[in-house]
Amino acid sequence: MSKVKITPEMEAQITELLGRSPRGLEEVSVSDSHGQPMVIRVASLVGDKPFPTMFWLIDKNLSYRIDREEAGGLIQRLQQCIDDDVALRESMAADHKAHIALRNGYISPLLKAQLETLNFYDVLQTRGIGGIADFSRIRCLHTWYASHLVVPNTIGELLDDHWLATGGESAN
C-alpha cells in the first residue's frame, strides 16, 4: 500500500467509486496491491468550510464489509469495551491527538491563515479522527479504519482483531 499520484484516470476512478466527484481531493493515501485506490486524503478546507474528516475509505468491498459490521451492532459492542477500559480510552485519545498533528502537517501556512481568518483553525484542533470531538466515542468505523490504513490506531486494531476472531481476515 502506497501513496499514488492523482492522474485524470485516477480521479475518474475515484469519482466512480464515490458516485460523485471528490471534493477537496489531495491524494490517494492508500492503494491496494493492484494500484486501486482504497483511501483518499481530503483538504481541511473545502469551499470555505472546515473539513475535519481527513481520510475517506473508498474501497467498495471494505466499505461494505464495515457497513455490515456496523449494522450488526459492532460499534455498540466496541464502545462498551472502550467505556469499560481506561487504557483503551487513553489510547483512543492519543490516536485523536496524533491525527490532529498529522492533519496540521498537511496544513500550509497559507491554508492556516485562511482557516484562522474563517475562525476554523481552532475547531480543527479539537476534532480528531472523522471530525470527532469526544475522544472517547467511536461514531463511525469507516473513518477509523480509513485512518488506520494510513496510521494504525486503536479502533482499527480492534476491528482487525474482531475479523480475525470471527474467521475473517484483516484488510491491513
Protein backbone atom coordinates (compact mmCIF):
# COMPACT_ATOMS: atom_id res chain seq x y z
CA MET A 1 0.00 0.00 0.00
CA SER A 2 1.41 3.34 -1.00
CA LYS A 3 0.59 6.91 -1.91
CA VAL A 4 -0.32 7.36 -5.56
CA LYS A 5 -0.12 10.47 -7.74
CA ILE A 6 -3.58 11.53 -8.87
CA THR A 7 -3.91 11.33 -12.63
CA PRO A 8 -7.09 12.24 -14.54
CA GLU A 9 -7.74 8.49 -14.89
CA MET A 10 -7.32 8.01 -11.13
CA GLU A 11 -9.67 10.90 -10.39
CA ALA A 12 -12.26 9.35 -12.74
CA GLN A 13 -11.88 6.05 -10.90
CA ILE A 14 -12.31 7.80 -7.53
CA THR A 15 -15.39 9.58 -8.88
CA GLU A 16 -16.84 6.23 -9.90
CA LEU A 17 -16.08 4.68 -6.50
CA LEU A 18 -17.62 7.64 -4.64
CA GLY A 19 -20.55 8.01 -7.00
CA ARG A 20 -19.73 11.72 -7.26
CA SER A 21 -16.82 13.99 -7.98
CA PRO A 22 -14.44 14.10 -4.99
CA ARG A 23 -14.39 17.47 -3.22
CA GLY A 24 -11.08 18.64 -1.82
CA LEU A 25 -9.17 15.60 -3.08
CA GLU A 26 -5.49 15.93 -2.23
CA GLU A 27 -4.07 12.44 -2.67
CA VAL A 28 -4.65 8.72 -2.73
CA SER A 29 -3.17 7.81 0.65
CA VAL A 30 -3.57 4.05 0.36
CA SER A 31 -3.93 1.82 -2.65
CA ASP A 32 -4.15 -1.95 -2.83
CA SER A 33 -1.57 -4.29 -4.34
CA HIS A 34 -3.12 -3.70 -7.80
CA GLY A 35 -2.89 0.08 -7.51
CA GLN A 36 -6.60 0.51 -6.84
CA PRO A 37 -7.38 3.43 -4.51
CA MET A 38 -8.57 2.43 -1.04
CA VAL A 39 -8.21 5.64 1.00
CA ILE A 40 -8.11 9.24 -0.15
CA ARG A 41 -6.98 12.32 1.75
CA VAL A 42 -9.20 15.38 1.61
CA ALA A 43 -8.27 19.02 2.22
CA SER A 44 -9.00 20.58 5.61
CA LEU A 45 -10.88 23.45 3.93
CA VAL A 46 -13.33 22.73 1.12
CA GLY A 47 -15.45 25.53 -0.28
CA ASP A 48 -14.53 27.82 2.63
CA LYS A 49 -15.90 25.26 5.10
CA PRO A 50 -13.82 23.17 7.50
CA PHE A 51 -13.48 19.55 6.53
CA PRO A 52 -12.25 17.65 9.58
CA THR A 53 -12.56 14.16 8.07
CA MET A 54 -9.13 13.89 6.50
CA PHE A 55 -9.19 10.27 5.27
CA TRP A 56 -12.04 8.66 3.34
CA LEU A 57 -12.40 4.93 2.78
CA ILE A 58 -13.40 4.44 -0.87
CA ASP A 59 -12.75 0.73 -1.33
CA LYS A 60 -16.26 -0.60 -2.02
CA ASN A 61 -15.70 -4.13 -0.70
CA LEU A 62 -14.10 -2.95 2.51
CA SER A 63 -16.75 -0.25 2.96
CA TYR A 64 -19.49 -2.85 2.53
CA ARG A 65 -17.77 -5.18 4.99
CA ILE A 66 -17.69 -2.38 7.56
CA ASP A 67 -21.31 -1.43 6.75
CA ARG A 68 -22.32 -4.96 7.70
CA GLU A 69 -20.36 -4.81 10.95
CA GLU A 70 -21.95 -1.50 11.90
CA ALA A 71 -25.43 -2.80 11.04
CA GLY A 72 -24.71 -5.85 13.22
CA GLY A 73 -24.06 -3.65 16.25
CA LEU A 74 -20.27 -3.80 16.35
CA ILE A 75 -19.91 -0.10 17.16
CA GLN A 76 -22.02 -0.55 20.29
CA ARG A 77 -20.08 -3.64 21.37
CA LEU A 78 -16.71 -1.98 20.81
CA GLN A 79 -17.93 1.18 22.52
CA GLN A 80 -18.84 -0.87 25.58
CA CYS A 81 -15.30 -2.26 25.63
CA ILE A 82 -13.95 1.30 25.41
CA ASP A 83 -16.27 2.51 28.16
CA ASP A 84 -15.07 -0.32 30.42
CA ASP A 85 -11.34 0.12 29.80
CA VAL A 86 -9.39 3.23 30.80
CA ALA A 87 -6.34 2.14 28.80
CA LEU A 88 -8.40 1.86 25.60
CA ARG A 89 -9.89 5.33 26.17
CA GLU A 90 -6.42 6.76 26.73
CA SER A 91 -5.19 5.03 23.57
CA MET A 92 -8.09 6.46 21.56
CA ALA A 93 -7.39 9.96 22.88
CA ALA A 94 -3.75 9.56 21.84
CA ASP A 95 -4.91 8.43 18.38
CA HIS A 96 -7.03 11.57 18.01
CA LYS A 97 -4.18 13.83 19.13
CA ALA A 98 -1.79 12.14 16.68
CA HIS A 99 -4.38 12.55 13.93
CA ILE A 100 -4.69 16.27 14.65
CA ALA A 101 -0.89 16.59 14.49
CA LEU A 102 -0.85 14.69 11.20
CA ARG A 103 -3.58 16.94 9.79
CA ASN A 104 -1.64 20.00 10.91
CA GLY A 105 1.34 18.68 8.98
CA TYR A 106 -0.69 18.94 5.78
CA ILE A 107 -1.87 22.49 6.52
CA SER A 108 0.34 25.01 4.74
CA PRO A 109 0.95 28.45 6.27
CA LEU A 110 -1.41 29.94 3.65
CA LEU A 111 -4.15 27.43 4.46
CA LYS A 112 -3.64 28.00 8.18
CA ALA A 113 -4.11 31.75 7.62
CA GLN A 114 -7.32 31.06 5.67
CA LEU A 115 -8.60 28.76 8.40
CA GLU A 116 -7.78 31.35 11.06
CA THR A 117 -9.47 34.14 9.08
CA LEU A 118 -12.60 32.00 8.83
CA ASN A 119 -12.35 31.08 12.56
CA PHE A 120 -12.00 27.37 11.74
CA TYR A 121 -8.41 26.61 12.72
CA ASP A 122 -9.16 26.29 16.44
CA VAL A 123 -12.11 24.00 15.67
CA LEU A 124 -9.83 21.63 13.76
CA GLN A 125 -7.53 21.50 16.79
CA THR A 126 -10.37 19.89 18.77
CA ARG A 127 -11.57 17.44 16.10
CA GLY A 128 -9.83 14.12 15.73
CA ILE A 129 -10.40 11.11 13.51
CA GLY A 130 -13.58 11.55 11.48
CA GLY A 131 -14.12 15.02 12.94
CA ILE A 132 -14.91 13.52 16.35
CA ALA A 133 -14.86 15.97 19.27
CA ASP A 134 -15.44 13.43 22.06
CA PHE A 135 -12.21 11.46 22.05
CA SER A 136 -13.81 8.52 23.87
CA ARG A 137 -16.50 7.81 21.24
CA ILE A 138 -16.23 5.69 18.09
CA ARG A 139 -19.09 7.10 15.97
CA CYS A 140 -18.02 5.58 12.59
CA LEU A 141 -15.88 2.55 11.83
CA HIS A 142 -15.28 3.70 8.24
CA THR A 143 -13.38 6.84 9.25
CA TRP A 144 -11.44 4.99 11.94
CA TYR A 145 -10.46 2.25 9.52
CA ALA A 146 -9.53 4.65 6.73
CA SER A 147 -7.22 6.39 9.19
CA HIS A 148 -5.95 3.02 10.45
CA LEU A 149 -4.85 2.03 6.96
CA VAL A 150 -2.72 5.20 6.88
CA VAL A 151 -1.52 5.18 10.51
CA PRO A 152 -2.54 2.25 12.75
CA ASN A 153 -4.97 3.17 15.53
CA THR A 154 -6.82 1.57 18.43
CA ILE A 155 -10.21 1.09 16.77
CA GLY A 156 -8.68 -0.19 13.54
CA GLU A 157 -6.71 -2.74 15.57
CA LEU A 158 -9.88 -3.77 17.43
CA LEU A 159 -11.66 -4.19 14.09
CA ASP A 160 -8.76 -6.27 12.73
CA ASP A 161 -8.85 -8.41 15.90
CA HIS A 162 -12.64 -8.83 15.53
CA TRP A 163 -12.27 -10.01 11.94
CA LEU A 164 -9.54 -12.47 12.87
CA ALA A 165 -11.60 -13.79 15.81
CA THR A 166 -14.67 -14.30 13.59
CA GLY A 167 -12.78 -16.24 10.92
CA GLY A 168 -12.21 -13.34 8.56
CA GLU A 169 -9.01 -11.57 7.75
CA SER A 170 -7.97 -8.02 8.37
CA ALA A 171 -7.72 -5.67 5.43
CA ASN A 172 -4.39 -4.43 6.69
